[in-house]
Amino acid sequence: MRFLAILLLLPTLAFAQGFAGLGTTTADGFATPQRGAELRFPADHAPHPDYRIEWWYLTANMTGPDGAHYGAQWTLFRSALTPDGGQGWNNPQIWMAHAALTSAQRHFVAEKFARGGIGQAGVQAQPFEAWIDDWQISGPTLSDVTVHARGDDFAYTLDLTTDAPFSLQGDAGYSVKSPAGQASYYYSQPFYDLSGTIEIDGIQIPVTGQAWLDREWSSQPLSETQTGWDWFSVHMDTGEKLMAFRLRDTAGQPYHSGTWIDADGTPHPLAPDALVFTELARTRTSGPNLPVRWRIEIPRRDFDITTSPLNPDAWMATLFPYWEGPITLTGTHSGIGYLEMTGYE
């Protein structure tokens, strides 16, 4: 069954490798995001099957009782083979999930696949539940959930709570990804407080920390020449948050975007020219040679920080591999966060 699932996934799941398969000139009958559309909660926590791709993407920065730092990732991707519906095995939805746990010394990764229409994977808005087999995010609302996943030699069960509003990225949730205008609908919940337990080699460790959820959906999110991205989520010690990304392009300069989020949850979109990204150091990982240390500047906000990885070898050796791991930041602002890098060879 796993071999069959991979064969079914290959035409559509290039998104984990820089959306290489989705930088197309047309949406092929799928719906496309429109500027000015109002996002609605809790309805938009649920799937949008008329769009080609979407995800529920959680990252967590955690600390154990001895002060050791850890990171966790839980991601559910949905991709549609066609824009038409169907029942049972004729359902065109494909599901893929990643779970990871990172310490300073080790990085654990697990991956699952499912076909839509048979109950093996799915999402409902309220009570909220996202699942694939026994991996789950569930709770009365998306502001009060428990997250669980288990893989070889690792597991975690994490309780997340917040009373903060969801943060709309871009122009009220309409997030532009290229000069040509490709876009997605995109919102986040960057204000989760976290407590729970992680397990490494059968040893359970209580943890506390902060978590960040990203929700995004589209049908042609990148241009044909964009090859991958460098994406940052940042929890500043001041309580402020930052989402920032750089999309690399073989035809010209990278495309930048981001959102500064006040401690009270108010988002401030950042124009492409407001952000400056500089690679500081590359490291040979279990995959390619990658820029694991970065400088990010937002001159208009007197923001100038350097990011460093908790574990430089946080390589996601999945069907479509990428780098994803916790980071710390120093400079004008201190804090923690996550970095994702895709599309490198």
Protein backbone atom coordinates (compact mmCIF):
# COMPACT_ATOMS: atom_id res chain seq x y z
CA MET A 1 0.00 0.00 0.00
CA ARG A 2 2.84 2.43 0.76
CA PHE A 3 4.28 1.93 -2.75
CA LEU A 4 0.83 2.51 -4.25
CA ALA A 5 0.41 5.68 -2.19
CA ILE A 6 3.74 7.04 -3.40
CA LEU A 7 2.79 6.39 -7.02
CA LEU A 8 -0.45 8.31 -6.50
CA LEU A 9 1.32 11.16 -4.77
CA LEU A 10 4.16 11.77 -7.19
CA PRO A 11 2.26 13.97 -9.68
CA THR A 12 0.98 16.37 -7.01
CA LEU A 13 3.15 16.46 -3.91
CA ALA A 14 6.16 18.37 -5.17
CA PHE A 15 5.09 21.15 -2.79
CA ALA A 16 7.36 19.86 -0.02
CA GLN A 17 10.33 20.46 -2.36
CA GLY A 18 9.77 24.15 -3.02
CA PHE A 19 6.37 23.70 -4.71
CA ALA A 20 8.26 22.69 -7.86
CA GLY A 21 5.16 21.06 -9.32
CA LEU A 22 2.80 23.91 -8.47
CA GLY A 23 4.53 26.85 -10.11
CA THR A 24 2.23 26.47 -13.10
CA THR A 25 0.70 29.05 -15.42
CA THR A 26 -2.89 27.90 -14.84
CA ALA A 27 -4.89 26.53 -11.94
CA ASP A 28 -6.25 23.67 -14.11
CA GLY A 29 -9.86 24.15 -13.01
CA PHE A 30 -9.14 24.65 -9.31
CA ALA A 31 -10.31 27.73 -7.43
CA THR A 32 -7.78 30.55 -6.92
CA PRO A 33 -7.45 33.07 -4.06
CA GLN A 34 -9.01 36.49 -4.62
CA ARG A 35 -7.89 39.69 -2.93
CA GLY A 36 -10.57 41.10 -0.65
CA ALA A 37 -12.19 37.77 0.24
CA GLU A 38 -13.01 37.60 3.96
CA LEU A 39 -11.62 34.69 5.95
CA ARG A 40 -14.20 33.17 8.28
CA PHE A 41 -13.61 31.30 11.51
CA PRO A 42 -14.11 28.55 12.45
CA ALA A 43 -15.23 27.60 8.91
CA ASP A 44 -11.80 28.20 7.33
CA HIS A 45 -10.12 25.81 9.77
CA ALA A 46 -11.74 23.04 7.67
CA PRO A 47 -10.52 21.79 4.27
CA HIS A 48 -11.07 23.68 1.01
CA PRO A 49 -11.26 20.81 -1.52
CA ASP A 50 -11.84 23.11 -4.50
CA TYR A 51 -8.24 24.37 -4.07
CA ARG A 52 -5.32 22.21 -5.14
CA ILE A 53 -3.31 22.27 -1.92
CA GLU A 54 -3.44 23.29 1.72
CA TRP A 55 -1.87 22.52 5.06
CA TRP A 56 -2.21 22.67 8.84
CA TYR A 57 1.34 23.32 10.03
CA LEU A 58 2.38 23.38 13.71
CA THR A 59 5.84 24.10 15.12
CA ALA A 60 6.74 24.25 18.81
CA ASN A 61 9.71 25.54 20.80
CA MET A 62 9.97 23.71 24.14
CA THR A 63 12.13 23.53 27.27
CA GLY A 64 12.59 20.60 29.65
CA PRO A 65 12.97 20.78 33.45
CA ASP A 66 16.78 20.85 33.15
CA GLY A 67 16.70 23.79 30.72
CA ALA A 68 17.37 21.67 27.61
CA HIS A 69 15.67 22.94 24.46
CA TYR A 70 13.56 20.92 22.02
CA GLY A 71 11.48 21.49 18.91
CA ALA A 72 8.41 19.68 17.57
CA GLN A 73 6.66 19.73 14.21
CA TRP A 74 3.23 18.34 13.24
CA THR A 75 2.04 18.92 9.67
CA LEU A 76 -0.91 17.66 7.65
CA PHE A 77 -0.94 18.36 3.90
CA ARG A 78 -3.94 17.94 1.60
CA SER A 79 -3.47 17.83 -2.17
CA ALA A 80 -6.16 17.26 -4.81
CA LEU A 81 -5.56 15.14 -7.90
CA THR A 82 -8.47 16.87 -9.69
CA PRO A 83 -10.93 19.66 -8.82
CA ASP A 84 -13.84 17.22 -9.05
CA GLY A 85 -15.32 15.40 -6.04
CA GLY A 86 -15.88 11.70 -5.48
CA GLN A 87 -16.81 9.17 -2.83
CA GLY A 88 -14.70 6.51 -1.14
CA TRP A 89 -11.64 5.47 -3.12
CA ASN A 90 -12.82 7.75 -5.95
CA ASN A 91 -12.22 10.78 -3.73
CA PRO A 92 -9.43 12.83 -5.38
CA GLN A 93 -7.88 14.08 -2.13
CA ILE A 94 -4.40 12.88 -1.08
CA TRP A 95 -3.11 13.40 2.47
CA MET A 96 0.48 13.46 3.71
CA ALA A 97 1.72 14.15 7.24
CA HIS A 98 5.08 14.85 8.85
CA ALA A 99 6.04 14.68 12.52
CA ALA A 100 9.44 15.61 13.91
CA LEU A 101 11.14 16.03 17.27
CA THR A 102 14.45 17.87 17.58
CA SER A 103 17.02 18.17 20.36
CA ALA A 104 20.49 19.67 20.25
CA GLN A 105 21.92 16.21 19.53
CA ARG A 106 19.22 14.35 17.59
CA HIS A 107 16.46 14.85 15.02
CA PHE A 108 13.61 12.36 14.62
CA VAL A 109 11.27 12.27 11.60
CA ALA A 110 8.18 10.25 10.68
CA GLU A 111 5.87 10.41 7.67
CA LYS A 112 2.38 9.11 6.82
CA PHE A 113 0.22 8.97 3.68
CA ALA A 114 -3.53 8.49 3.19
CA ARG A 115 -6.15 8.60 0.47
CA GLY A 116 -9.23 10.78 1.05
CA GLY A 117 -12.77 9.49 1.24
CA ILE A 118 -12.13 6.48 3.47
CA GLY A 119 -11.81 8.16 6.88
CA GLN A 120 -8.09 7.52 7.33
CA ALA A 121 -7.30 11.27 7.35
CA GLY A 122 -9.23 14.51 7.44
CA VAL A 123 -10.07 17.75 9.21
CA GLN A 124 -13.24 19.16 10.78
CA ALA A 125 -13.62 22.74 11.97
CA GLN A 126 -15.45 22.53 15.31
CA PRO A 127 -14.99 20.66 17.52
CA PHE A 128 -11.61 20.87 15.84
CA GLU A 129 -9.95 17.67 14.71
CA ALA A 130 -7.16 17.03 12.21
CA TRP A 131 -5.96 13.45 11.93
CA ILE A 132 -4.15 10.84 9.94
CA ASP A 133 -4.25 7.38 11.51
CA ASP A 134 -3.42 7.91 15.22
CA TRP A 135 -1.73 11.32 14.78
CA GLN A 136 -4.12 14.05 15.89
CA ILE A 137 -4.70 17.69 16.69
CA SER A 138 -8.03 17.86 18.50
CA GLY A 139 -9.99 19.99 20.95
CA PRO A 140 -13.20 21.94 21.43
CA THR A 141 -11.81 24.77 19.27
CA LEU A 142 -8.54 25.43 17.42
CA SER A 143 -7.61 27.72 20.33
CA ASP A 144 -7.61 24.79 22.79
CA VAL A 145 -6.15 21.58 21.37
CA THR A 146 -4.03 18.55 22.18
CA VAL A 147 -1.41 17.43 19.64
CA HIS A 148 -0.15 13.85 19.41
CA ALA A 149 2.24 11.96 17.16
CA ARG A 150 4.51 8.94 17.47
CA GLY A 151 7.37 7.62 15.35
CA ASP A 152 10.36 5.33 15.76
CA ASP A 153 12.08 6.22 19.07
CA PHE A 154 10.04 9.40 19.68
CA ALA A 155 6.59 10.67 20.57
CA TYR A 156 4.89 13.74 21.97
CA THR A 157 1.57 14.79 23.48
CA LEU A 158 1.25 18.58 23.80
CA ASP A 159 -1.57 20.76 25.13
CA LEU A 160 -1.92 24.16 23.40
CA THR A 161 -4.09 27.03 24.59
CA THR A 162 -4.53 30.69 23.65
CA ASP A 163 -7.07 33.48 23.91
CA ALA A 164 -5.38 35.52 21.15
CA PRO A 165 -6.99 36.20 17.77
CA PHE A 166 -5.77 34.51 14.61
CA SER A 167 -3.23 36.60 12.70
CA LEU A 168 -4.06 37.28 9.05
CA GLN A 169 -0.95 37.27 6.86
CA GLY A 170 -0.47 39.58 3.89
CA ASP A 171 -3.44 41.74 2.91
CA ALA A 172 -6.11 40.52 5.39
CA GLY A 173 -5.15 36.89 4.68
CA TYR A 174 -4.32 37.29 0.97
CA SER A 175 -0.59 36.48 0.82
CA VAL A 176 1.22 37.39 -2.42
CA LYS A 177 4.13 35.08 -3.30
CA SER A 178 5.68 36.58 -6.45
CA PRO A 179 5.93 39.77 -8.53
CA ALA A 180 3.59 38.08 -11.02
CA GLY A 181 0.89 37.96 -8.34
CA GLN A 182 0.64 34.29 -7.36
CA ALA A 183 -0.98 34.14 -3.94
CA SER A 184 -2.49 32.02 -1.20
CA TYR A 185 -4.91 32.46 1.67
CA TYR A 186 -2.77 32.44 4.82
CA TYR A 187 -3.37 32.95 8.52
CA SER A 188 -1.54 31.92 11.69
CA GLN A 189 -1.99 31.36 15.40
CA PRO A 190 1.42 32.32 16.85
CA PHE A 191 0.33 32.76 20.48
CA TYR A 192 -0.11 29.23 21.82
CA ASP A 193 1.13 28.46 25.34
CA LEU A 194 2.31 24.87 25.52
CA SER A 195 2.71 22.15 28.13
CA GLY A 196 3.02 18.43 27.73
CA THR A 197 5.36 15.49 27.42
CA ILE A 198 7.88 14.37 24.83
CA GLU A 199 9.38 10.89 24.64
CA ILE A 200 12.85 9.97 23.38
CA ASP A 201 14.00 6.33 23.40
CA GLY A 202 11.21 5.48 25.84
CA ILE A 203 12.13 8.25 28.31
CA GLN A 204 9.40 10.80 29.00
CA ILE A 205 10.32 14.46 29.53
CA PRO A 206 7.86 17.15 30.67
CA VAL A 207 8.09 20.32 28.58
CA THR A 208 6.68 23.84 28.42
CA GLY A 209 6.98 26.41 25.67
CA GLN A 210 5.33 28.23 22.77
CA ALA A 211 3.78 27.00 19.54
CA TRP A 212 2.85 28.46 16.15
CA LEU A 213 0.19 27.19 13.73
CA ASP A 214 0.12 28.14 10.04
CA ARG A 215 -2.92 27.61 7.79
CA GLU A 216 -2.56 28.12 4.07
CA TRP A 217 -4.32 27.07 0.88
CA SER A 218 -3.98 27.84 -2.83
CA SER A 219 -3.93 26.29 -6.29
CA GLN A 220 -0.86 27.86 -7.96
CA PRO A 221 1.11 29.49 -5.12
CA LEU A 222 4.41 30.08 -6.90
CA SER A 223 5.63 31.25 -10.29
CA GLU A 224 7.29 28.82 -12.70
CA THR A 225 10.82 30.05 -11.91
CA GLN A 226 10.59 29.99 -8.11
CA THR A 227 12.49 27.02 -6.72
CA GLY A 228 12.01 27.10 -2.94
CA TRP A 229 11.85 29.23 0.16
CA ASP A 230 13.47 30.19 3.46
CA TRP A 231 10.68 30.74 6.01
CA PHE A 232 11.00 32.03 9.57
CA SER A 233 8.59 32.21 12.50
CA VAL A 234 9.88 34.15 15.50
CA HIS A 235 8.70 34.51 19.12
CA MET A 236 10.39 37.60 20.55
CA ASP A 237 10.96 37.90 24.31
CA THR A 238 8.94 41.14 24.15
CA GLY A 239 5.84 39.11 23.19
CA GLU A 240 5.92 40.31 19.59
CA LYS A 241 5.97 37.82 16.68
CA LEU A 242 7.45 37.83 13.20
CA MET A 243 6.68 35.76 10.11
CA ALA A 244 9.13 36.34 7.25
CA PHE A 245 10.01 34.46 4.09
CA ARG A 246 12.29 34.64 1.07
CA LEU A 247 11.24 32.86 -2.14
CA ARG A 248 14.20 32.11 -4.40
CA ASP A 249 13.83 32.68 -8.15
CA THR A 250 16.05 31.51 -11.00
CA ALA A 251 14.85 34.43 -13.15
CA GLY A 252 15.74 37.25 -10.78
CA GLN A 253 15.93 38.47 -7.22
CA PRO A 254 14.21 36.58 -4.37
CA TYR A 255 10.73 37.70 -3.39
CA HIS A 256 10.39 38.80 0.26
CA SER A 257 7.35 39.13 2.47
CA GLY A 258 6.44 39.07 6.13
CA THR A 259 4.21 40.21 8.97
CA TRP A 260 5.15 41.93 12.22
CA ILE A 261 2.62 40.95 14.91
CA ASP A 262 2.26 43.09 18.03
CA ALA A 263 2.03 41.45 21.45
CA ASP A 264 -1.72 42.13 21.42
CA GLY A 265 -2.09 40.26 18.11
CA THR A 266 -2.30 43.25 15.75
CA PRO A 267 -0.62 42.30 12.41
CA HIS A 268 1.46 44.74 10.34
CA PRO A 269 2.25 43.51 6.80
CA LEU A 270 5.83 44.07 5.65
CA ALA A 271 6.48 45.13 2.07
CA PRO A 272 9.00 43.11 0.04
CA ASP A 273 11.60 45.90 0.31
CA ALA A 274 11.24 46.13 4.11
CA LEU A 275 13.13 42.88 4.71
CA VAL A 276 16.79 42.05 4.20
CA PHE A 277 17.96 38.41 4.38
CA THR A 278 21.66 37.50 4.49
CA GLU A 279 23.15 34.00 4.59
CA LEU A 280 25.85 33.83 7.30
CA ALA A 281 27.02 30.23 7.33
CA ARG A 282 26.41 26.99 5.45
CA THR A 283 26.67 23.52 6.95
CA ARG A 284 26.80 20.10 5.35
CA THR A 285 23.70 18.28 6.66
CA SER A 286 22.40 14.77 6.12
CA GLY A 287 21.07 16.35 2.93
CA PRO A 288 22.64 19.24 0.99
CA ASN A 289 24.92 22.05 2.11
CA LEU A 290 22.48 24.53 3.70
CA PRO A 291 22.51 28.11 5.07
CA VAL A 292 21.66 27.27 8.70
CA ARG A 293 22.63 30.71 10.11
CA TRP A 294 20.96 33.91 8.91
CA ARG A 295 20.83 37.64 9.48
CA ILE A 296 17.39 39.26 9.16
CA GLU A 297 17.02 43.03 9.08
CA ILE A 298 13.94 45.26 9.14
CA PRO A 299 15.57 48.71 9.13
CA ARG A 300 12.34 50.66 9.64
CA ARG A 301 11.77 48.81 12.91
CA ASP A 302 15.42 48.84 14.07
CA PHE A 303 15.33 45.06 13.88
CA ASP A 304 18.64 43.30 13.20
CA ILE A 305 19.02 39.74 14.41
CA THR A 306 21.13 36.63 13.80
CA THR A 307 19.49 33.21 13.89
CA SER A 308 21.27 30.01 14.97
CA PRO A 309 19.89 26.45 14.76
CA LEU A 310 19.38 24.27 17.82
CA ASN A 311 20.51 21.34 15.67
CA PRO A 312 22.17 22.14 12.31
CA ASP A 313 21.24 18.68 10.99
CA ALA A 314 17.45 19.05 11.28
CA TRP A 315 17.06 17.44 7.85
CA MET A 316 13.61 16.07 7.04
CA ALA A 317 14.44 12.89 5.13
CA THR A 318 10.91 12.50 3.82
CA LEU A 319 9.63 11.61 0.33
CA PHE A 320 10.26 15.24 -0.66
CA PRO A 321 13.06 16.32 1.72
CA TYR A 322 13.66 19.72 3.30
CA TRP A 323 15.19 21.31 6.43
CA GLU A 324 13.02 22.27 9.41
CA GLY A 325 14.16 23.02 12.93
CA PRO A 326 14.11 25.32 15.96
CA ILE A 327 16.28 28.43 16.07
CA THR A 328 17.41 31.05 18.59
CA LEU A 329 17.93 34.72 17.79
CA THR A 330 20.32 37.33 19.10
CA GLY A 331 20.93 40.97 18.24
CA THR A 332 18.55 43.88 18.68
CA HIS A 333 15.86 41.39 19.73
CA SER A 334 16.18 38.03 21.50
CA GLY A 335 13.89 35.04 21.28
CA ILE A 336 13.23 31.67 19.68
CA GLY A 337 11.53 30.39 16.56
CA TYR A 338 11.56 28.00 13.63
CA LEU A 339 13.22 27.93 10.21
CA GLU A 340 12.13 25.96 7.15
CA MET A 341 14.23 25.71 3.97
CA THR A 342 13.03 23.93 0.84
CA GLY A 343 14.23 23.43 -2.73
CA TYR A 344 17.97 23.08 -2.07
CA GLU A 345 19.98 20.41 -3.89
